[in-house]
Amino acid sequence: GKIAFDSCLKFFNLKKKDFKFYHGAKYKILNNLVLVASYHPSPRNVNTKRLDKKKMVFLLMGLK
């Protein structure tokens, strides 16, 4: 989720203001590395319908 996304930005010394977190966001951060944002599949996100199986599968299939 967002915590992991922000941790990746910090690890690569990238500025948060240049990268907006939303489910499905993709950012090329190095020549061969893409950072993909996704909601965490926690019970809270699933129960509130923020994330469901269809959304997660759609995101993962788009990474091929």
N, C-alpha and C. Protein backbone atom coordinates (compact mmCIF):
# COMPACT_ATOMS: atom_id res chain seq x y z
N GLY A 1 0.81 -1.18 0.00
CA GLY A 1 0.00 0.00 0.00
C GLY A 1 0.86 1.26 0.00
N LYS A 2 0.28 2.30 0.50
CA LYS A 2 0.95 3.61 0.49
C LYS A 2 2.23 3.61 1.32
N ILE A 3 2.24 2.87 2.42
CA ILE A 3 3.44 2.85 3.26
C ILE A 3 4.61 2.24 2.48
N ALA A 4 4.37 1.15 1.78
CA ALA A 4 5.42 0.52 0.97
C ALA A 4 5.83 1.43 -0.18
N PHE A 5 4.86 2.08 -0.80
CA PHE A 5 5.12 3.02 -1.90
C PHE A 5 6.05 4.13 -1.42
N ASP A 6 5.71 4.73 -0.29
CA ASP A 6 6.54 5.81 0.27
C ASP A 6 7.93 5.31 0.66
N SER A 7 8.01 4.08 1.15
CA SER A 7 9.31 3.50 1.51
C SER A 7 10.19 3.33 0.28
N CYS A 8 9.59 2.93 -0.84
CA CYS A 8 10.35 2.80 -2.09
C CYS A 8 10.86 4.16 -2.54
N LEU A 9 10.02 5.17 -2.44
CA LEU A 9 10.46 6.52 -2.82
C LEU A 9 11.65 6.96 -1.97
N LYS A 10 11.56 6.69 -0.68
CA LYS A 10 12.65 7.06 0.22
C LYS A 10 13.92 6.28 -0.12
N PHE A 11 13.78 4.98 -0.38
CA PHE A 11 14.93 4.14 -0.69
C PHE A 11 15.68 4.65 -1.93
N PHE A 12 14.93 5.09 -2.94
CA PHE A 12 15.54 5.57 -4.18
C PHE A 12 15.77 7.09 -4.18
N ASN A 13 15.61 7.72 -3.02
CA ASN A 13 15.82 9.17 -2.86
C ASN A 13 14.99 9.98 -3.85
N LEU A 14 13.72 9.61 -3.98
CA LEU A 14 12.80 10.32 -4.87
C LEU A 14 11.88 11.21 -4.04
N LYS A 15 11.43 12.31 -4.61
CA LYS A 15 10.58 13.26 -3.90
C LYS A 15 9.12 12.84 -3.99
N LYS A 16 8.46 12.77 -2.83
CA LYS A 16 7.05 12.37 -2.78
C LYS A 16 6.17 13.24 -3.65
N LYS A 17 6.48 14.52 -3.73
CA LYS A 17 5.62 15.44 -4.48
C LYS A 17 5.59 15.12 -5.97
N ASP A 18 6.57 14.36 -6.45
CA ASP A 18 6.63 14.01 -7.87
C ASP A 18 5.91 12.71 -8.20
N PHE A 19 5.42 12.01 -7.17
CA PHE A 19 4.80 10.69 -7.36
C PHE A 19 3.51 10.61 -6.56
N LYS A 20 2.40 10.61 -7.25
CA LYS A 20 1.10 10.52 -6.59
C LYS A 20 0.72 9.05 -6.43
N PHE A 21 0.30 8.68 -5.22
CA PHE A 21 -0.13 7.31 -4.98
C PHE A 21 -1.59 7.15 -5.34
N TYR A 22 -1.86 6.20 -6.20
CA TYR A 22 -3.22 5.72 -6.45
C TYR A 22 -3.12 4.31 -7.01
N HIS A 23 -4.12 3.52 -6.79
CA HIS A 23 -4.10 2.12 -7.22
C HIS A 23 -3.92 2.05 -8.72
N GLY A 24 -2.85 1.38 -9.14
CA GLY A 24 -2.57 1.22 -10.56
C GLY A 24 -1.58 2.22 -11.12
N ALA A 25 -1.13 3.17 -10.31
CA ALA A 25 -0.15 4.14 -10.80
C ALA A 25 1.15 3.43 -11.13
N LYS A 26 1.77 3.80 -12.25
CA LYS A 26 3.04 3.20 -12.67
C LYS A 26 4.02 4.32 -12.96
N TYR A 27 5.21 4.21 -12.38
CA TYR A 27 6.24 5.21 -12.58
C TYR A 27 7.56 4.52 -12.94
N LYS A 28 8.16 4.93 -14.02
CA LYS A 28 9.49 4.44 -14.38
C LYS A 28 10.49 5.21 -13.53
N ILE A 29 11.18 4.49 -12.64
CA ILE A 29 12.10 5.18 -11.74
C ILE A 29 13.56 4.94 -12.10
N LEU A 30 13.84 3.89 -12.83
CA LEU A 30 15.17 3.64 -13.38
C LEU A 30 14.98 3.10 -14.78
N ASN A 31 16.06 2.94 -15.52
CA ASN A 31 15.94 2.45 -16.90
C ASN A 31 15.17 1.14 -17.01
N ASN A 32 15.35 0.25 -16.05
CA ASN A 32 14.69 -1.04 -16.13
C ASN A 32 13.83 -1.35 -14.90
N LEU A 33 13.38 -0.32 -14.21
CA LEU A 33 12.60 -0.53 -12.99
C LEU A 33 11.37 0.38 -12.98
N VAL A 34 10.23 -0.24 -12.73
CA VAL A 34 8.96 0.49 -12.67
C VAL A 34 8.37 0.30 -11.28
N LEU A 35 7.94 1.39 -10.67
CA LEU A 35 7.27 1.34 -9.38
C LEU A 35 5.77 1.34 -9.65
N VAL A 36 5.08 0.31 -9.15
CA VAL A 36 3.64 0.19 -9.36
C VAL A 36 2.96 0.33 -8.00
N ALA A 37 1.98 1.21 -7.93
CA ALA A 37 1.24 1.44 -6.69
C ALA A 37 0.01 0.55 -6.64
N SER A 38 -0.26 0.03 -5.46
CA SER A 38 -1.45 -0.80 -5.26
C SER A 38 -1.92 -0.67 -3.82
N TYR A 39 -3.23 -0.67 -3.64
CA TYR A 39 -3.75 -0.73 -2.28
C TYR A 39 -3.33 -2.06 -1.66
N HIS A 40 -3.11 -2.06 -0.37
CA HIS A 40 -2.78 -3.28 0.35
C HIS A 40 -4.05 -4.12 0.46
N PRO A 41 -3.94 -5.44 0.23
CA PRO A 41 -5.14 -6.28 0.29
C PRO A 41 -5.54 -6.64 1.72
N SER A 42 -5.62 -5.64 2.56
CA SER A 42 -5.99 -5.84 3.96
C SER A 42 -7.50 -6.04 4.08
N PRO A 43 -7.96 -6.63 5.18
CA PRO A 43 -9.41 -6.76 5.37
C PRO A 43 -10.12 -5.42 5.30
N ARG A 44 -9.50 -4.38 5.80
CA ARG A 44 -10.14 -3.05 5.76
C ARG A 44 -10.38 -2.61 4.31
N ASN A 45 -9.38 -2.73 3.46
CA ASN A 45 -9.54 -2.31 2.06
C ASN A 45 -10.51 -3.21 1.30
N VAL A 46 -10.54 -4.48 1.65
CA VAL A 46 -11.46 -5.41 0.99
C VAL A 46 -12.89 -5.17 1.48
N ASN A 47 -13.07 -5.04 2.78
CA ASN A 47 -14.42 -4.85 3.34
C ASN A 47 -15.05 -3.53 2.94
N THR A 48 -14.24 -2.52 2.71
CA THR A 48 -14.77 -1.21 2.30
C THR A 48 -14.87 -1.10 0.78
N LYS A 49 -14.54 -2.19 0.08
CA LYS A 49 -14.62 -2.27 -1.39
C LYS A 49 -13.62 -1.38 -2.10
N ARG A 50 -12.64 -0.90 -1.36
CA ARG A 50 -11.56 -0.13 -1.99
C ARG A 50 -10.77 -1.02 -2.94
N LEU A 51 -10.64 -2.29 -2.56
CA LEU A 51 -9.91 -3.26 -3.37
C LEU A 51 -10.68 -4.56 -3.38
N ASP A 52 -10.80 -5.15 -4.55
CA ASP A 52 -11.42 -6.47 -4.66
C ASP A 52 -10.59 -7.32 -5.62
N LYS A 53 -10.98 -8.56 -5.76
CA LYS A 53 -10.21 -9.49 -6.59
C LYS A 53 -10.11 -8.98 -8.03
N LYS A 54 -11.19 -8.46 -8.56
CA LYS A 54 -11.20 -7.98 -9.95
C LYS A 54 -10.19 -6.86 -10.16
N LYS A 55 -10.15 -5.90 -9.23
CA LYS A 55 -9.21 -4.78 -9.35
C LYS A 55 -7.76 -5.25 -9.25
N MET A 56 -7.51 -6.20 -8.34
CA MET A 56 -6.14 -6.69 -8.17
C MET A 56 -5.69 -7.50 -9.38
N VAL A 57 -6.56 -8.37 -9.88
CA VAL A 57 -6.21 -9.17 -11.06
C VAL A 57 -5.98 -8.27 -12.26
N PHE A 58 -6.83 -7.26 -12.43
CA PHE A 58 -6.67 -6.31 -13.54
C PHE A 58 -5.31 -5.62 -13.46
N LEU A 59 -4.93 -5.20 -12.27
CA LEU A 59 -3.64 -4.54 -12.08
C LEU A 59 -2.49 -5.50 -12.43
N LEU A 60 -2.54 -6.70 -11.89
CA LEU A 60 -1.46 -7.66 -12.11
C LEU A 60 -1.37 -8.10 -13.57
N MET A 61 -2.48 -8.27 -14.23
CA MET A 61 -2.47 -8.67 -15.64
C MET A 61 -1.89 -7.56 -16.52
N GLY A 62 -2.03 -6.33 -16.08
CA GLY A 62 -1.49 -5.20 -16.82
C GLY A 62 0.02 -5.06 -16.71
N LEU A 63 0.64 -5.87 -15.88
CA LEU A 63 2.09 -5.79 -15.68
C LEU A 63 2.86 -6.68 -16.65
N LYS A 64 2.16 -7.50 -17.38
CA LYS A 64 2.83 -8.42 -18.31
C LYS A 64 3.53 -7.67 -19.41
